[in-house]
Amino acid sequence: MSDFEYIRKLTEEIEQKNLCSWATLSSKTLGREVFEEPCDIRTEFQRDRDRIIHSKSFRRLKHKTQVFIAPIGDHYRTRLTHTLEVSQIARTVARALRLNEDLTEAISLGHDLGHSPFGHAGESALNNLCPTGFKHYKQSVRILEHIERDGIGLNLTKEVINGILCHTSGKQAFTPEGRLVRICDKIAYINHDIEDSMRAGILEPNSIPNYLIKNLGDTCSARIDTLVKSLIQNSKDNNIIMSAEATKNFEEIHEFMYKNVYLNKRSFSEEHKVPFVINSLYNYFKNNFDKIPSYLQKLSHKDGPDRVICDYISGMTDEFAINLFKKIFLPGASKVY
């Protein structure tokens, strides 16, 4: 044993002693696609968390749209602040339930890495262009497995990859930590989108139905507290669930947001411009594939050029995509890039 290996071993022993019977132990991980010798100090899930935090795609989240495209104001959520809020909520519940907090954090921090510029409008535009379709949760995994580190990938554990892949829809994650992140992602975005929508003037403070205010709370913090406590009180035996009443109220406030914000044209006055920008960039790179970074070009031998063009565009921040569009298509605009 090395001078430091005892640190990891001690952490693994603490997990085995303190975590609940249905938590995911780092010492029992299903491993990585490519075997690596264990770290002396960190558990496998701690290593994954650190790799995600230090990745380029994680840093780019600070300049990617969460809901409102190019909002005027410093306090609207970005994709990065959303990610941090998901992590905070999920870690709080994981600690209370004695689940693996490191695994929960790694999944939370990596779950939205595949989001395109301009939020869901950008995702929809790329989905219409790419022959194989485009979904941000699949792209998150693709980034982590094939794009990061100049095409090498981060070689994360199977538990983290599965939690990220299953965080939004379809099949549930095979770990309770992954299933927890899926619920906490929704708790985070519904509640912070309410706050941002009020800041933008899309919602009025009294527009939420009174019974939902009474049952869930009248502030973002109060609603999150209600839902978190319901998760803690009702989750057991490998099931991550809220009470029937909390679930009903949460579904109804989710429906309220879709009707009044997500499908409200006032919320997305700039959204109609997004397909034109994405389509223009896509067609440009179809005819100028050599302009794409060389490490991405290499992926075309296996996945085809269309997939790689989507990789490149989806990795852009909002500002980078706008400035690149100006440089390519607007006369005399090369200096802005």
Protein backbone atom coordinates (compact mmCIF):
# COMPACT_ATOMS: atom_id res chain seq x y z
CA MET A 1 0.00 0.00 0.00
CA SER A 2 1.31 3.45 -0.93
CA ASP A 3 1.71 6.32 1.53
CA PHE A 4 -1.67 7.72 0.48
CA GLU A 5 -3.73 4.70 -0.57
CA TYR A 6 -5.05 4.30 2.95
CA ILE A 7 -7.01 7.54 2.43
CA ARG A 8 -9.14 6.02 -0.35
CA LYS A 9 -9.49 2.78 1.56
CA LEU A 10 -10.69 4.66 4.63
CA THR A 11 -13.27 6.56 2.57
CA GLU A 12 -14.52 3.29 1.09
CA GLU A 13 -14.78 1.77 4.57
CA ILE A 14 -16.74 4.81 5.77
CA GLU A 15 -19.14 4.37 2.84
CA GLN A 16 -19.67 0.70 3.68
CA LYS A 17 -20.33 1.56 7.31
CA ASN A 18 -22.48 4.67 6.95
CA LEU A 19 -24.41 4.46 3.68
CA CYS A 20 -27.80 2.76 3.55
CA SER A 21 -28.15 -0.81 2.32
CA TRP A 22 -29.36 0.23 -1.14
CA ALA A 23 -26.78 2.96 -1.80
CA THR A 24 -24.15 2.48 -4.51
CA LEU A 25 -20.73 1.81 -3.03
CA SER A 26 -17.72 3.20 -4.89
CA SER A 27 -15.76 0.06 -4.02
CA LYS A 28 -18.40 -2.00 -5.87
CA THR A 29 -18.46 0.09 -9.05
CA LEU A 30 -19.06 -1.67 -12.36
CA GLY A 31 -15.89 0.03 -13.53
CA ARG A 32 -14.81 1.94 -16.60
CA GLU A 33 -14.76 1.05 -20.27
CA VAL A 34 -10.96 1.09 -20.11
CA PHE A 35 -9.41 -0.17 -16.88
CA GLU A 36 -7.42 2.30 -14.80
CA GLU A 37 -5.52 1.74 -11.60
CA PRO A 38 -7.41 3.22 -8.63
CA CYS A 39 -6.44 6.64 -7.34
CA ASP A 40 -4.55 6.59 -4.03
CA ILE A 41 -6.68 9.33 -2.46
CA ARG A 42 -10.05 9.53 -4.24
CA THR A 43 -12.78 6.97 -4.75
CA GLU A 44 -13.87 6.15 -8.30
CA PHE A 45 -16.90 8.45 -8.14
CA GLN A 46 -14.81 11.30 -6.71
CA ARG A 47 -12.46 10.95 -9.68
CA ASP A 48 -15.41 11.16 -12.06
CA ARG A 49 -16.71 14.31 -10.38
CA ASP A 50 -13.30 15.94 -10.62
CA ARG A 51 -12.87 15.02 -14.29
CA ILE A 52 -16.23 16.59 -15.12
CA ILE A 53 -15.47 19.80 -13.20
CA HIS A 54 -12.13 20.20 -14.99
CA SER A 55 -13.56 19.50 -18.45
CA LYS A 56 -13.90 22.12 -21.18
CA SER A 57 -17.57 21.31 -21.69
CA PHE A 58 -18.30 22.05 -18.02
CA ARG A 59 -16.66 25.48 -18.26
CA ARG A 60 -18.70 26.34 -21.34
CA LEU A 61 -21.97 25.89 -19.43
CA LYS A 62 -21.61 29.36 -17.92
CA HIS A 63 -22.29 30.89 -21.35
CA LYS A 64 -25.14 28.64 -22.43
CA THR A 65 -28.85 29.49 -22.26
CA GLN A 66 -31.00 27.90 -19.58
CA VAL A 67 -34.44 29.23 -20.57
CA PHE A 68 -34.29 32.83 -21.79
CA ILE A 69 -32.05 33.57 -24.77
CA ALA A 70 -29.68 36.52 -24.25
CA PRO A 71 -31.59 37.99 -21.28
CA ILE A 72 -30.77 41.53 -20.14
CA GLY A 73 -29.75 41.19 -16.50
CA ASP A 74 -27.11 39.51 -14.36
CA HIS A 75 -29.34 37.26 -12.26
CA TYR A 76 -30.95 34.94 -14.78
CA ARG A 77 -29.90 31.32 -14.59
CA THR A 78 -27.42 29.92 -17.07
CA ARG A 79 -26.88 26.26 -17.81
CA LEU A 80 -24.05 26.29 -15.27
CA THR A 81 -26.01 27.82 -12.40
CA HIS A 82 -28.83 25.38 -13.12
CA THR A 83 -26.34 22.51 -12.92
CA LEU A 84 -25.03 23.74 -9.57
CA GLU A 85 -28.56 24.07 -8.19
CA VAL A 86 -29.39 20.51 -9.27
CA SER A 87 -26.21 19.29 -7.58
CA GLN A 88 -27.01 21.12 -4.35
CA ILE A 89 -30.57 19.79 -4.14
CA ALA A 90 -29.60 16.24 -5.07
CA ARG A 91 -26.69 16.16 -2.63
CA THR A 92 -28.93 17.37 0.19
CA VAL A 93 -31.37 14.52 -0.40
CA ALA A 94 -28.60 11.97 -0.95
CA ARG A 95 -26.98 12.86 2.34
CA ALA A 96 -30.28 12.65 4.20
CA LEU A 97 -31.07 9.25 2.68
CA ARG A 98 -27.48 8.08 3.14
CA LEU A 99 -26.98 7.47 -0.58
CA ASN A 100 -23.63 7.98 -2.28
CA GLU A 101 -23.18 11.75 -2.38
CA ASP A 102 -20.11 11.62 -4.65
CA LEU A 103 -21.94 9.60 -7.29
CA THR A 104 -24.95 11.92 -7.00
CA GLU A 105 -22.74 14.96 -7.46
CA ALA A 106 -20.89 13.52 -10.48
CA ILE A 107 -24.15 12.73 -12.28
CA SER A 108 -25.59 16.14 -11.41
CA LEU A 109 -22.56 18.06 -12.67
CA GLY A 110 -22.41 16.14 -15.93
CA HIS A 111 -26.08 15.81 -16.78
CA ASP A 112 -26.39 18.86 -19.09
CA LEU A 113 -22.97 18.97 -20.75
CA GLY A 114 -24.55 18.06 -24.10
CA HIS A 115 -26.89 21.04 -24.29
CA SER A 116 -26.50 23.12 -27.43
CA PRO A 117 -26.34 26.91 -27.59
CA PHE A 118 -29.70 28.70 -27.29
CA GLY A 119 -31.23 26.06 -25.03
CA HIS A 120 -33.99 23.79 -26.25
CA ALA A 121 -34.44 25.90 -29.38
CA GLY A 122 -30.91 24.99 -30.42
CA GLU A 123 -31.48 21.35 -29.52
CA SER A 124 -34.63 21.25 -31.66
CA ALA A 125 -32.82 22.86 -34.61
CA LEU A 126 -29.99 20.32 -34.46
CA ASN A 127 -32.45 17.45 -34.06
CA ASN A 128 -34.11 18.51 -37.33
CA LEU A 129 -30.77 18.72 -39.14
CA CYS A 130 -28.85 15.67 -37.95
CA PRO A 131 -29.84 12.43 -39.78
CA THR A 132 -29.46 10.45 -36.56
CA GLY A 133 -31.27 13.06 -34.45
CA PHE A 134 -29.96 15.10 -31.56
CA LYS A 135 -30.85 14.76 -27.88
CA HIS A 136 -28.88 16.62 -25.26
CA TYR A 137 -28.74 13.71 -22.80
CA LYS A 138 -27.22 11.44 -25.44
CA GLN A 139 -24.84 14.22 -26.45
CA SER A 140 -23.72 14.58 -22.82
CA VAL A 141 -22.61 10.96 -22.87
CA ARG A 142 -21.01 11.35 -26.29
CA ILE A 143 -18.99 14.30 -25.03
CA LEU A 144 -17.79 12.38 -22.01
CA GLU A 145 -16.96 9.21 -23.91
CA HIS A 146 -15.65 10.46 -27.25
CA ILE A 147 -15.11 14.23 -27.43
CA GLU A 148 -13.47 15.51 -24.25
CA ARG A 149 -9.66 15.52 -24.03
CA ASP A 150 -9.38 16.08 -27.79
CA GLY A 151 -11.30 12.94 -28.68
CA ILE A 152 -9.99 10.59 -25.98
CA GLY A 153 -12.92 10.98 -23.60
CA LEU A 154 -12.94 10.96 -19.81
CA ASN A 155 -13.45 7.21 -19.31
CA LEU A 156 -16.00 7.61 -16.51
CA THR A 157 -17.59 4.82 -14.50
CA LYS A 158 -20.65 3.09 -15.88
CA GLU A 159 -22.79 4.33 -12.99
CA VAL A 160 -22.11 7.98 -13.82
CA ILE A 161 -22.61 7.49 -17.56
CA ASN A 162 -25.90 5.68 -17.00
CA GLY A 163 -27.20 8.34 -14.60
CA ILE A 164 -26.47 11.09 -17.12
CA LEU A 165 -28.02 9.17 -20.01
CA CYS A 166 -31.23 8.50 -18.06
CA HIS A 167 -31.61 11.88 -16.35
CA THR A 168 -34.48 13.29 -18.41
CA SER A 169 -36.81 10.73 -19.99
CA GLY A 170 -37.19 7.13 -21.02
CA LYS A 171 -35.55 4.34 -19.05
CA GLN A 172 -34.74 5.01 -15.40
CA ALA A 173 -31.14 4.88 -14.15
CA PHE A 174 -30.07 1.61 -12.55
CA THR A 175 -28.72 3.37 -9.43
CA PRO A 176 -30.86 5.18 -6.84
CA GLU A 177 -28.47 8.12 -7.12
CA GLY A 178 -29.18 8.40 -10.85
CA ARG A 179 -32.93 8.25 -10.25
CA LEU A 180 -32.59 10.92 -7.56
CA VAL A 181 -30.82 13.33 -9.93
CA ARG A 182 -33.63 12.88 -12.47
CA ILE A 183 -36.21 14.14 -9.97
CA CYS A 184 -34.00 16.88 -8.54
CA ASP A 185 -33.29 18.22 -12.03
CA LYS A 186 -37.03 18.83 -12.46
CA ILE A 187 -37.39 20.30 -8.97
CA ALA A 188 -34.57 22.74 -9.73
CA TYR A 189 -35.62 23.91 -13.17
CA ILE A 190 -39.33 24.29 -12.46
CA ASN A 191 -38.71 26.41 -9.41
CA HIS A 192 -35.88 28.57 -10.70
CA ASP A 193 -37.75 29.05 -13.98
CA ILE A 194 -40.67 30.44 -11.98
CA GLU A 195 -38.33 32.92 -10.33
CA ASP A 196 -36.67 33.90 -13.63
CA SER A 197 -40.07 34.22 -15.33
CA MET A 198 -41.24 36.64 -12.65
CA ARG A 199 -38.02 38.61 -13.03
CA ALA A 200 -38.65 38.79 -16.79
CA GLY A 201 -42.25 39.88 -16.33
CA ILE A 202 -43.64 36.74 -17.96
CA LEU A 203 -45.34 35.70 -14.71
CA GLU A 204 -46.92 37.89 -12.05
CA PRO A 205 -46.32 37.01 -8.39
CA ASN A 206 -50.04 36.20 -7.96
CA SER A 207 -50.36 34.15 -11.18
CA ILE A 208 -49.60 30.76 -9.59
CA PRO A 209 -52.84 29.10 -8.42
CA ASN A 210 -53.50 29.72 -4.74
CA TYR A 211 -53.81 26.03 -3.87
CA LEU A 212 -50.32 25.36 -5.27
CA ILE A 213 -48.91 28.24 -3.26
CA LYS A 214 -50.64 26.84 -0.17
CA ASN A 215 -49.49 23.26 -0.75
CA LEU A 216 -45.94 23.88 -2.02
CA GLY A 217 -44.94 27.33 -0.81
CA ASP A 218 -44.89 30.94 -1.94
CA THR A 219 -41.16 31.23 -2.75
CA CYS A 220 -38.63 29.22 -4.74
CA SER A 221 -36.89 28.19 -1.52
CA ALA A 222 -40.12 27.16 0.21
CA ARG A 223 -41.26 25.01 -2.73
CA ILE A 224 -37.90 23.26 -2.98
CA ASP A 225 -37.96 22.65 0.78
CA THR A 226 -41.43 21.07 0.55
CA LEU A 227 -40.45 18.74 -2.30
CA VAL A 228 -37.09 17.80 -0.78
CA LYS A 229 -38.70 16.89 2.53
CA SER A 230 -41.29 14.79 0.72
CA LEU A 231 -38.53 12.91 -1.11
CA ILE A 232 -36.68 12.26 2.15
CA GLN A 233 -39.81 11.11 3.98
CA ASN A 234 -41.06 8.75 1.29
CA SER A 235 -37.97 7.28 -0.41
CA LYS A 236 -36.91 3.85 0.83
CA ASP A 237 -36.01 0.34 -0.31
CA ASN A 238 -34.44 1.51 -3.59
CA ASN A 239 -37.42 3.72 -4.49
CA ILE A 240 -36.96 7.47 -4.92
CA ILE A 241 -40.44 8.92 -4.60
CA MET A 242 -42.45 11.80 -3.15
CA SER A 243 -45.83 11.47 -1.50
CA ALA A 244 -48.87 11.15 -3.74
CA GLU A 245 -50.00 14.65 -2.76
CA ALA A 246 -46.60 16.25 -3.43
CA THR A 247 -46.32 14.39 -6.73
CA LYS A 248 -49.76 15.66 -7.81
CA ASN A 249 -48.94 19.25 -6.86
CA PHE A 250 -45.56 19.05 -8.56
CA GLU A 251 -47.08 17.70 -11.76
CA GLU A 252 -49.67 20.50 -11.73
CA ILE A 253 -47.12 23.28 -11.25
CA HIS A 254 -45.09 21.66 -14.03
CA GLU A 255 -48.18 21.80 -16.27
CA PHE A 256 -48.77 25.41 -15.21
CA MET A 257 -45.24 26.35 -16.32
CA TYR A 258 -45.64 24.66 -19.70
CA LYS A 259 -48.88 26.49 -20.35
CA ASN A 260 -47.82 29.90 -19.10
CA VAL A 261 -44.07 30.03 -19.76
CA TYR A 262 -42.59 27.27 -21.91
CA LEU A 263 -45.31 27.58 -24.56
CA ASN A 264 -45.70 31.34 -24.15
CA LYS A 265 -44.38 33.24 -27.19
CA ARG A 266 -43.47 36.20 -24.96
CA SER A 267 -40.97 33.97 -23.17
CA PHE A 268 -39.00 33.28 -26.31
CA SER A 269 -39.18 36.39 -28.46
CA GLU A 270 -35.71 35.62 -29.85
CA GLU A 271 -36.30 31.88 -30.36
CA HIS A 272 -37.52 32.16 -33.96
CA LYS A 273 -34.05 33.40 -34.96
CA VAL A 274 -32.25 30.31 -33.63
CA PRO A 275 -33.00 27.83 -36.47
CA PHE A 276 -31.67 30.30 -39.03
CA VAL A 277 -28.37 30.68 -37.15
CA ILE A 278 -28.00 26.92 -36.53
CA ASN A 279 -28.99 25.98 -40.10
CA SER A 280 -26.60 28.52 -41.57
CA LEU A 281 -23.66 27.25 -39.52
CA TYR A 282 -24.57 23.64 -40.27
CA ASN A 283 -24.67 24.20 -44.03
CA TYR A 284 -21.46 26.21 -43.92
CA PHE A 285 -19.57 23.35 -42.27
CA LYS A 286 -21.14 20.84 -44.65
CA ASN A 287 -19.32 22.71 -47.42
CA ASN A 288 -16.24 23.59 -45.33
CA PHE A 289 -15.67 20.50 -43.23
CA ASP A 290 -11.95 21.28 -42.98
CA LYS A 291 -12.82 24.29 -40.77
CA ILE A 292 -13.90 21.96 -37.97
CA PRO A 293 -11.21 21.18 -35.35
CA SER A 294 -9.04 18.25 -36.42
CA TYR A 295 -9.75 16.12 -33.33
CA LEU A 296 -13.45 16.21 -34.23
CA GLN A 297 -12.82 15.52 -37.90
CA LYS A 298 -11.28 12.20 -36.90
CA LEU A 299 -14.66 11.07 -35.53
CA SER A 300 -16.21 11.37 -38.99
CA HIS A 301 -14.52 8.16 -40.12
CA LYS A 302 -16.76 6.26 -37.71
CA ASP A 303 -19.80 8.50 -37.28
CA GLY A 304 -19.99 10.52 -40.50
CA PRO A 305 -19.58 14.27 -41.09
CA ASP A 306 -23.16 15.23 -40.14
CA ARG A 307 -22.71 13.86 -36.65
CA VAL A 308 -19.41 15.68 -36.25
CA ILE A 309 -20.89 18.98 -37.44
CA CYS A 310 -23.57 18.58 -34.76
CA ASP A 311 -20.83 17.84 -32.22
CA TYR A 312 -19.05 21.06 -33.09
CA ILE A 313 -22.12 23.33 -33.17
CA SER A 314 -23.68 21.83 -30.05
CA GLY A 315 -20.48 22.45 -28.12
CA MET A 316 -20.55 26.17 -28.85
CA THR A 317 -21.66 28.74 -26.31
CA ASP A 318 -24.36 31.20 -27.34
CA GLU A 319 -21.85 34.03 -27.75
CA PHE A 320 -19.40 31.92 -29.74
CA ALA A 321 -22.13 30.77 -32.14
CA ILE A 322 -23.40 34.33 -32.66
CA ASN A 323 -19.91 35.75 -33.24
CA LEU A 324 -19.00 32.92 -35.59
CA PHE A 325 -22.20 33.51 -37.55
CA LYS A 326 -21.30 37.21 -37.85
CA LYS A 327 -17.77 36.43 -38.95
CA ILE A 328 -18.88 34.01 -41.67
CA PHE A 329 -21.97 35.72 -43.02
CA LEU A 330 -21.84 39.45 -42.28
CA PRO A 331 -19.64 41.79 -44.36
CA GLY A 332 -16.84 43.39 -42.37
CA ALA A 333 -17.73 41.46 -39.22
CA SER A 334 -14.57 39.36 -38.98
CA LYS A 335 -13.20 41.61 -36.24
CA VAL A 336 -15.95 40.61 -33.82
CA TYR A 337 -14.75 37.03 -33.64
